[in-house]
């Protein structure tokens, strides 16, 4: 039998203890040649164990960051070559790039490592084929620790001569105070409301107040697409100038771009009594023109229940994403108009006499549960519910998945 002290001793540990310093260095070099992560692991471990100069520590941190890139780059290259990949590969690459980004936020690379990494990152940004643009842009920015490096990055973006890189270049020039370059790129593209807002806010920040307001007003006239920021900007300027009427016009216009119960309340709160008399009819006109679920919620808030009910009297196709909100609003009307809401709920009960997936059974069970709630809980007509539900149960007695889903959401299904 082996001696008790050596019984469980790892022979590798014994050999490492016997090895010389040169032997160990040679071994680690060989291991690093086949697995880059070994280099990173060694550096991170030794940083906690040995004392070296600050320059060596800085070089080591830089080397770790570069190693993280070289670990993830082969898979990134695969994504770039094929224009994407399966979910697991995309997730692995995304996690690897995020680890690199976090490291770059902590450390400053040596000039040599920085240029090597930036060149490689920019090549993938230029390709734009890997589906990892957001992460690559984050890394490019994280490599820039001062205005000089940011300016260099902006020039690289500008040289790509594509909209998104140029937009980033423009943002950098504005950030670092390169006013001439910012304006040169900004004035090349003035199409959307956000373009005019960007320029107007720039003029305001740099003290050219009148030019800022003129630009915003021009944007209101010629800009396309999203205008919210311009309207808010002009509303704030009018308020500062004491022009209450103009302020309210812009405020009202911005809040009603997509009228909701929340924006309705905000407008009402903002208006004085006489101002509300002017804007309330305008709001009602908007609600009538676009009679959506938000308008219904506003009618409920105003206690105009008959007006709200009209929405539920029509056959409606509901999207999956919008249905929850609609049914939630309908529930508020159940006690007042049970018969009408019951008819509405029955529209969304699917075909109950055919085999389907468990997901379909589950959706139908939820729809039938809404019917039950009105008949039993609101109308208190248990016999009517049984008359409605029992045929459904019996017609599907040979569909166990159907029965499982209905038992799960309907309280008395099993005892019917």
Protein backbone atom coordinates (compact mmCIF):
# COMPACT_ATOMS: atom_id res chain seq x y z
CA UNK A 1 0.00 0.00 0.00
CA UNK A 2 1.09 3.58 -0.71
CA UNK A 3 2.15 5.79 2.15
CA UNK A 4 -0.84 7.77 3.51
CA UNK A 5 0.85 11.10 2.71
CA UNK A 6 1.33 10.26 -0.99
CA UNK A 7 -1.81 8.22 -1.58
CA UNK A 8 -3.78 11.02 -3.28
CA UNK A 9 -0.92 13.20 -4.53
CA UNK A 10 -1.26 14.32 -8.16
CA UNK A 11 1.82 13.22 -10.12
CA UNK A 12 1.58 16.41 -12.20
CA UNK A 13 2.01 18.51 -9.06
CA UNK A 14 5.10 16.52 -8.16
CA UNK A 15 6.56 17.07 -11.62
CA UNK A 16 5.81 20.81 -11.55
CA UNK A 17 7.52 21.06 -8.17
CA UNK A 18 10.58 19.39 -9.63
CA UNK A 19 10.66 21.56 -12.79
CA UNK A 20 12.99 24.50 -13.22
CA UNK A 21 11.80 28.04 -13.89
CA UNK A 22 12.85 27.71 -17.54
CA UNK A 23 10.94 24.42 -17.84
CA UNK A 24 7.76 26.08 -16.53
CA UNK A 25 8.11 29.07 -18.85
CA UNK A 26 8.58 26.73 -21.82
CA UNK A 27 5.51 24.71 -20.80
CA UNK A 28 3.30 27.81 -20.52
CA UNK A 29 4.52 29.07 -23.91
CA UNK A 30 3.59 25.75 -25.47
CA UNK A 31 0.14 25.79 -23.87
CA UNK A 32 -0.48 29.38 -25.01
CA UNK A 33 0.34 28.36 -28.54
CA UNK A 34 -2.72 26.11 -28.67
CA UNK A 35 -5.17 28.03 -26.47
CA UNK A 36 -5.14 31.83 -26.27
CA UNK A 37 -7.26 31.83 -23.14
CA UNK A 38 -4.32 30.26 -21.25
CA UNK A 39 -2.35 33.48 -21.78
CA UNK A 40 -5.16 35.58 -20.34
CA UNK A 41 -5.65 33.21 -17.38
CA UNK A 42 -1.93 33.26 -16.60
CA UNK A 43 -1.68 37.05 -16.69
CA UNK A 44 -4.75 37.54 -14.50
CA UNK A 45 -3.45 34.97 -12.02
CA UNK A 46 0.08 36.32 -11.85
CA UNK A 47 -1.11 39.93 -11.39
CA UNK A 48 -2.36 38.83 -7.96
CA UNK A 49 0.82 36.92 -7.09
CA UNK A 50 3.85 38.87 -8.29
CA UNK A 51 5.13 42.42 -8.08
CA UNK A 52 6.27 44.06 -11.32
CA UNK A 53 6.68 47.63 -12.57
CA UNK A 54 3.63 49.70 -13.48
CA UNK A 55 4.65 49.64 -17.14
CA UNK A 56 4.69 45.82 -17.15
CA UNK A 57 1.26 45.79 -15.47
CA UNK A 58 -0.10 48.21 -18.09
CA UNK A 59 1.35 46.09 -20.89
CA UNK A 60 -0.18 42.99 -19.30
CA UNK A 61 -3.65 44.61 -19.11
CA UNK A 62 -3.32 45.65 -22.73
CA UNK A 63 -2.29 42.14 -23.70
CA UNK A 64 -5.30 40.62 -21.88
CA UNK A 65 -7.68 42.88 -23.82
CA UNK A 66 -6.08 41.99 -27.13
CA UNK A 67 -6.22 38.31 -26.21
CA UNK A 68 -9.96 38.60 -25.55
CA UNK A 69 -10.34 39.93 -29.09
CA UNK A 70 -8.29 37.13 -30.62
CA UNK A 71 -10.38 34.58 -28.72
CA UNK A 72 -13.67 35.81 -30.17
CA UNK A 73 -12.45 36.94 -33.60
CA UNK A 74 -12.52 33.52 -35.35
CA UNK A 75 -16.23 33.13 -34.59
CA UNK A 76 -16.85 36.76 -35.53
CA UNK A 77 -15.11 36.07 -38.83
CA UNK A 78 -17.47 33.15 -39.41
CA UNK A 79 -20.49 35.37 -38.81
CA UNK A 80 -19.07 37.96 -41.16
CA UNK A 81 -18.39 35.41 -43.88
CA UNK A 82 -21.88 33.91 -43.83
CA UNK A 83 -23.87 37.03 -42.92
CA UNK A 84 -24.83 35.76 -39.48
CA UNK A 85 -25.23 32.39 -37.80
CA UNK A 86 -27.36 30.36 -35.41
CA UNK A 87 -28.51 31.77 -32.09
CA UNK A 88 -25.88 30.04 -29.95
CA UNK A 89 -23.03 31.33 -32.11
CA UNK A 90 -24.44 34.87 -32.10
CA UNK A 91 -24.84 34.69 -28.32
CA UNK A 92 -21.26 33.43 -27.80
CA UNK A 93 -19.80 36.18 -29.97
CA UNK A 94 -21.98 38.82 -28.30
CA UNK A 95 -20.84 37.72 -24.84
CA UNK A 96 -17.20 37.69 -25.94
CA UNK A 97 -17.42 41.20 -27.39
CA UNK A 98 -19.14 42.45 -24.24
CA UNK A 99 -16.34 41.03 -22.07
CA UNK A 100 -13.84 42.86 -24.27
CA UNK A 101 -15.85 46.08 -24.04
CA UNK A 102 -15.89 45.90 -20.21
CA UNK A 103 -12.13 45.32 -20.16
CA UNK A 104 -11.50 48.27 -22.49
CA UNK A 105 -13.50 50.53 -20.16
CA UNK A 106 -11.13 49.58 -17.36
CA UNK A 107 -7.74 49.74 -19.07
CA UNK A 108 -5.77 51.79 -21.58
CA UNK A 109 -4.11 49.81 -24.35
CA UNK A 110 -0.59 50.40 -25.53
CA UNK A 111 -0.44 52.40 -28.77
CA UNK A 112 0.60 49.29 -30.70
CA UNK A 113 -2.21 47.13 -29.31
CA UNK A 114 -4.76 49.91 -29.72
CA UNK A 115 -4.01 50.43 -33.40
CA UNK A 116 -4.00 46.71 -34.07
CA UNK A 117 -7.39 46.26 -32.41
CA UNK A 118 -8.94 49.38 -33.91
CA UNK A 119 -7.85 48.38 -37.41
CA UNK A 120 -9.43 44.95 -37.05
CA UNK A 121 -12.64 46.28 -35.49
CA UNK A 122 -12.99 48.88 -38.24
CA UNK A 123 -12.61 46.20 -40.91
CA UNK A 124 -15.68 44.41 -39.49
CA UNK A 125 -17.59 47.69 -39.17
CA UNK A 126 -16.81 48.45 -42.80
CA UNK A 127 -18.02 44.99 -43.83
CA UNK A 128 -21.19 45.27 -41.71
CA UNK A 129 -21.97 41.64 -42.43
CA UNK A 130 -21.57 39.97 -39.04
CA UNK A 131 -24.72 41.34 -37.38
CA UNK A 132 -22.65 42.69 -34.48
CA UNK A 133 -22.46 46.37 -35.39
CA UNK A 134 -23.66 47.71 -32.02
CA UNK A 135 -21.02 45.77 -30.11
CA UNK A 136 -18.27 46.69 -32.58
CA UNK A 137 -19.15 50.39 -32.37
CA UNK A 138 -19.08 50.16 -28.56
CA UNK A 139 -15.60 48.66 -28.70
CA UNK A 140 -14.38 51.30 -31.15
CA UNK A 141 -15.55 54.06 -28.80
CA UNK A 142 -14.10 52.30 -25.75
CA UNK A 143 -10.68 52.37 -27.43
CA UNK A 144 -10.74 56.18 -27.43
CA UNK A 145 -9.60 57.72 -24.18
CA UNK A 146 -9.17 61.34 -25.28
CA UNK A 147 -10.32 63.89 -27.86
CA UNK A 148 -7.39 63.15 -30.14
CA UNK A 149 -8.29 59.45 -30.43
CA UNK A 150 -11.98 60.33 -30.84
CA UNK A 151 -11.11 62.67 -33.70
CA UNK A 152 -9.17 59.89 -35.37
CA UNK A 153 -12.16 57.57 -34.97
CA UNK A 154 -14.46 60.21 -36.47
CA UNK A 155 -12.18 60.50 -39.51
CA UNK A 156 -12.24 56.73 -39.95
CA UNK A 157 -16.04 56.74 -39.76
CA UNK A 158 -16.25 59.62 -42.22
CA UNK A 159 -14.04 57.79 -44.70
CA UNK A 160 -16.51 54.89 -44.84
CA UNK A 161 -18.93 57.27 -46.65
CA UNK A 162 -22.06 55.59 -45.32
CA UNK A 163 -24.95 57.16 -43.42
CA UNK A 164 -24.56 55.54 -40.00
CA UNK A 165 -20.77 55.90 -39.73
CA UNK A 166 -21.05 59.52 -40.89
CA UNK A 167 -23.74 60.16 -38.27
CA UNK A 168 -21.35 58.83 -35.66
CA UNK A 169 -18.54 60.98 -37.03
CA UNK A 170 -20.78 64.02 -36.86
CA UNK A 171 -21.68 63.25 -33.25
CA UNK A 172 -18.01 62.92 -32.32
CA UNK A 173 -17.07 66.22 -33.98
CA UNK A 174 -19.85 67.95 -32.05
CA UNK A 175 -18.79 66.28 -28.80
CA UNK A 176 -15.14 67.33 -29.05
CA UNK A 177 -15.85 70.87 -30.27
CA UNK A 178 -14.82 70.46 -33.91
CA UNK A 179 -17.53 72.92 -34.95
CA UNK A 180 -16.52 73.38 -38.57
CA UNK A 181 -16.44 69.65 -39.27
CA UNK A 182 -19.73 69.09 -37.45
CA UNK A 183 -21.52 71.78 -39.46
CA UNK A 184 -19.96 70.56 -42.71
CA UNK A 185 -21.39 67.06 -42.20
CA UNK A 186 -24.63 68.24 -40.60
CA UNK A 187 -25.60 70.50 -43.50
CA UNK A 188 -25.07 67.68 -45.99
CA UNK A 189 -28.16 65.89 -44.66
CA UNK A 190 -31.18 67.97 -43.61
CA UNK A 191 -34.24 65.86 -44.34
CA UNK A 192 -35.90 64.67 -41.14
CA UNK A 193 -37.26 66.45 -38.10
CA UNK A 194 -34.45 64.94 -36.03
CA UNK A 195 -31.88 66.46 -38.41
CA UNK A 196 -33.30 69.94 -37.80
CA UNK A 197 -33.56 69.30 -34.06
CA UNK A 198 -29.93 68.21 -33.91
CA UNK A 199 -28.80 71.42 -35.61
CA UNK A 200 -31.19 73.63 -33.62
CA UNK A 201 -30.01 72.20 -30.30
CA UNK A 202 -26.39 72.69 -31.43
CA UNK A 203 -26.98 76.37 -32.19
CA UNK A 204 -28.76 76.78 -28.84
CA UNK A 205 -25.88 75.17 -26.94
CA UNK A 206 -23.31 77.35 -28.71
CA UNK A 207 -25.22 80.54 -27.92
CA UNK A 208 -26.75 81.25 -31.34
CA UNK A 209 -30.26 81.42 -29.91
CA UNK A 210 -32.07 83.14 -32.78
CA UNK A 211 -30.51 80.81 -35.34
CA UNK A 212 -31.59 77.85 -33.20
CA UNK A 213 -35.23 78.94 -33.19
CA UNK A 214 -35.15 79.72 -36.93
CA UNK A 215 -33.74 76.25 -37.65
CA UNK A 216 -36.42 74.56 -35.52
CA UNK A 217 -39.19 76.53 -37.23
CA UNK A 218 -37.76 75.62 -40.62
CA UNK A 219 -37.74 71.98 -39.51
CA UNK A 220 -41.43 72.20 -38.62
CA UNK A 221 -42.08 73.35 -42.17
CA UNK A 222 -39.78 71.07 -44.15
CA UNK A 223 -38.82 68.19 -41.87
CA UNK A 224 -40.12 64.67 -42.35
CA UNK A 225 -40.79 61.84 -39.91
CA UNK A 226 -40.54 62.26 -36.14
CA UNK A 227 -41.14 65.85 -35.01
CA UNK A 228 -41.55 65.41 -31.24
CA UNK A 229 -38.19 66.89 -30.29
CA UNK A 230 -38.70 69.95 -32.47
CA UNK A 231 -42.12 70.61 -30.96
CA UNK A 232 -40.79 70.25 -27.41
CA UNK A 233 -37.86 72.52 -28.26
CA UNK A 234 -40.11 75.25 -29.67
CA UNK A 235 -42.61 74.86 -26.83
CA UNK A 236 -39.83 75.41 -24.28
CA UNK A 237 -38.55 78.47 -26.16
CA UNK A 238 -42.05 79.97 -26.31
CA UNK A 239 -42.58 79.30 -22.60
CA UNK A 240 -39.27 80.98 -21.76
CA UNK A 241 -40.33 83.99 -23.83
CA UNK A 242 -43.66 84.19 -22.02
CA UNK A 243 -45.65 83.38 -25.17
CA UNK A 244 -48.33 81.19 -23.58
CA UNK A 245 -50.47 80.75 -26.71
CA UNK A 246 -47.59 79.56 -28.88
CA UNK A 247 -46.31 77.35 -26.09
CA UNK A 248 -49.69 75.59 -25.77
CA UNK A 249 -50.01 75.11 -29.53
CA UNK A 250 -46.68 73.27 -29.72
CA UNK A 251 -47.38 71.42 -26.45
CA UNK A 252 -50.80 70.28 -27.68
CA UNK A 253 -49.43 69.26 -31.08
CA UNK A 254 -46.66 67.16 -29.51
CA UNK A 255 -48.95 65.47 -26.98
CA UNK A 256 -51.54 64.54 -29.61
CA UNK A 257 -49.15 63.05 -32.17
CA UNK A 258 -50.17 59.79 -30.54
CA UNK A 259 -53.01 60.61 -28.17
CA UNK A 260 -53.20 58.42 -25.06
CA UNK A 261 -55.05 58.65 -21.77
CA UNK A 262 -51.80 59.79 -20.19
CA UNK A 263 -51.24 62.62 -22.70
CA UNK A 264 -54.92 63.61 -22.41
CA UNK A 265 -54.49 64.02 -18.64
CA UNK A 266 -51.27 65.97 -19.13
CA UNK A 267 -52.94 68.42 -21.51
CA UNK A 268 -55.88 68.91 -19.16
CA UNK A 269 -53.54 69.50 -16.22
CA UNK A 270 -51.47 72.00 -18.18
CA UNK A 271 -54.46 74.06 -19.33
CA UNK A 272 -56.13 76.78 -17.32
CA UNK A 273 -59.93 76.71 -17.25
CA UNK A 274 -60.41 79.02 -20.22
CA UNK A 275 -57.64 77.25 -22.16
CA UNK A 276 -59.27 73.88 -21.57
CA UNK A 277 -62.43 75.25 -23.13
CA UNK A 278 -60.43 75.78 -26.32
CA UNK A 279 -58.53 72.49 -26.39
CA UNK A 280 -61.13 70.02 -25.09
CA UNK A 281 -63.20 70.14 -28.33
CA UNK A 282 -60.03 69.60 -30.36
CA UNK A 283 -59.24 66.50 -28.30
CA UNK A 284 -62.75 65.10 -28.76
CA UNK A 285 -62.44 65.63 -32.50
CA UNK A 286 -59.15 63.69 -32.57
CA UNK A 287 -60.72 60.88 -30.54
CA UNK A 288 -63.66 60.64 -32.92
CA UNK A 289 -61.41 60.56 -35.96
CA UNK A 290 -59.14 57.90 -34.50
CA UNK A 291 -61.48 55.80 -32.37
CA UNK A 292 -58.90 53.38 -30.99
CA UNK A 293 -58.53 51.76 -27.58
CA UNK A 294 -56.83 54.89 -26.20
CA UNK A 295 -59.89 56.93 -27.14
CA UNK A 296 -62.04 54.33 -25.34
CA UNK A 297 -59.90 54.70 -22.22
CA UNK A 298 -60.33 58.47 -22.36
CA UNK A 299 -64.10 58.09 -22.66
CA UNK A 300 -64.06 55.83 -19.59
CA UNK A 301 -61.99 58.40 -17.72
CA UNK A 302 -64.59 61.02 -18.69
CA UNK A 303 -67.34 58.60 -17.52
CA UNK A 304 -68.78 58.52 -21.04
CA UNK A 305 -69.63 54.83 -20.89
CA UNK A 306 -72.01 54.67 -23.86
CA UNK A 307 -69.37 56.25 -26.09
CA UNK A 308 -66.78 53.73 -24.86
CA UNK A 309 -69.15 50.82 -25.47
CA UNK A 310 -69.41 51.58 -29.20
CA UNK A 311 -65.90 50.23 -29.69
CA UNK A 312 -67.02 46.77 -28.52
CA UNK A 313 -70.15 46.62 -30.65
CA UNK A 314 -68.20 46.06 -33.85
CA UNK A 315 -66.48 42.91 -35.03
CA UNK A 316 -62.78 43.53 -34.53
CA UNK A 317 -59.58 41.76 -35.41
CA UNK A 318 -57.12 42.08 -32.56
CA UNK A 319 -53.39 41.62 -32.87
CA UNK A 320 -51.71 39.36 -30.31
CA UNK A 321 -49.83 42.33 -28.83
CA UNK A 322 -52.85 44.63 -28.57
CA UNK A 323 -55.44 42.14 -27.33
CA UNK A 324 -54.50 42.21 -23.64
CA UNK A 325 -55.10 45.96 -23.36
CA UNK A 326 -58.43 45.73 -25.21
CA UNK A 327 -59.74 42.93 -23.00
CA UNK A 328 -58.57 44.79 -19.92
CA UNK A 329 -60.62 47.83 -20.97
CA UNK A 330 -63.62 45.65 -21.85
CA UNK A 331 -63.55 44.21 -18.34
CA UNK A 332 -64.26 47.69 -16.95
CA UNK A 333 -67.58 47.69 -18.82
CA UNK A 334 -68.74 44.20 -17.86
CA UNK A 335 -70.91 45.28 -14.95
CA UNK A 336 -72.64 48.06 -16.91
CA UNK A 337 -73.14 46.25 -20.19
CA UNK A 338 -72.81 42.50 -19.60
CA UNK A 339 -74.81 41.36 -22.64
CA UNK A 340 -72.83 43.53 -25.09
CA UNK A 341 -69.44 42.62 -23.60
CA UNK A 342 -70.44 38.95 -23.54
CA UNK A 343 -71.12 39.08 -27.28
CA UNK A 344 -67.76 40.76 -27.77
CA UNK A 345 -65.92 38.05 -25.80
CA UNK A 346 -67.63 35.28 -27.75
CA UNK A 347 -66.16 36.69 -30.97
CA UNK A 348 -62.73 35.57 -29.77
CA UNK A 349 -63.59 32.00 -28.86
CA UNK A 350 -61.99 29.90 -31.57
CA UNK A 351 -63.12 26.66 -33.16
CA UNK A 352 -63.82 24.32 -30.26
CA UNK A 353 -64.70 21.25 -32.32
CA UNK A 354 -61.40 20.38 -33.91
CA UNK A 355 -58.06 18.97 -32.83
CA UNK A 356 -55.35 21.59 -32.41
CA UNK A 357 -52.10 22.37 -30.59
CA UNK A 358 -51.93 22.76 -26.84
CA UNK A 359 -51.19 26.45 -27.37
CA UNK A 360 -54.48 26.86 -29.28
CA UNK A 361 -56.36 24.98 -26.57
CA UNK A 362 -54.83 27.32 -23.98
CA UNK A 363 -55.87 30.43 -25.91
CA UNK A 364 -59.41 29.11 -26.30
CA UNK A 365 -59.58 28.26 -22.61
CA UNK A 366 -58.69 31.86 -21.70
CA UNK A 367 -61.36 33.13 -24.13
CA UNK A 368 -64.01 30.83 -22.63
CA UNK A 369 -62.94 31.89 -19.12
CA UNK A 370 -63.82 35.49 -20.04
CA UNK A 371 -67.25 34.31 -21.16
CA UNK A 372 -67.69 32.43 -17.89
CA UNK A 373 -66.72 35.47 -15.82
CA UNK A 374 -69.51 37.57 -17.34
CA UNK A 375 -72.19 34.85 -17.18
CA UNK A 376 -71.39 33.55 -13.68
CA UNK A 377 -69.71 36.40 -11.79
CA UNK A 378 -71.52 39.37 -13.33
CA UNK A 379 -74.88 38.07 -14.56
CA UNK A 380 -75.05 35.33 -11.89
CA UNK A 381 -76.63 32.85 -14.32
CA UNK A 382 -74.95 29.57 -13.47
CA UNK A 383 -77.49 27.53 -15.47
CA UNK A 384 -76.76 29.59 -18.58
CA UNK A 385 -73.04 28.92 -18.12
CA UNK A 386 -73.59 25.17 -17.78
CA UNK A 387 -75.76 25.18 -20.89
CA UNK A 388 -72.95 26.94 -22.77
CA UNK A 389 -69.99 25.00 -21.35
CA UNK A 390 -71.22 21.41 -21.02
CA UNK A 391 -71.49 20.74 -24.80
CA UNK A 392 -68.00 22.11 -25.23
CA UNK A 393 -66.66 19.71 -22.61
CA UNK A 394 -68.51 16.68 -23.96
CA UNK A 395 -67.55 17.34 -27.58
CA UNK A 396 -63.89 17.31 -26.54
CA UNK A 397 -63.90 14.44 -24.04
CA UNK A 398 -61.36 12.51 -26.14
CA UNK A 399 -58.89 15.40 -26.23
CA UNK A 400 -56.97 15.18 -22.94
CA UNK A 401 -54.75 18.19 -23.74
CA UNK A 402 -57.89 20.25 -24.36
CA UNK A 403 -59.34 19.18 -21.00
CA UNK A 404 -56.04 19.90 -19.21
CA UNK A 405 -55.89 23.47 -20.48
CA UNK A 406 -59.52 24.21 -19.69
CA UNK A 407 -59.21 22.74 -16.18
CA UNK A 408 -56.15 24.92 -15.63
CA UNK A 409 -57.94 28.25 -16.19
CA UNK A 410 -61.65 27.58 -15.61
CA UNK A 411 -62.48 27.00 -11.92
CA UNK A 412 -65.45 24.59 -12.20
CA UNK A 413 -64.51 22.84 -15.46
CA UNK A 414 -63.74 19.50 -13.84
CA UNK A 415 -67.02 19.39 -11.94
CA UNK A 416 -69.27 20.25 -14.90
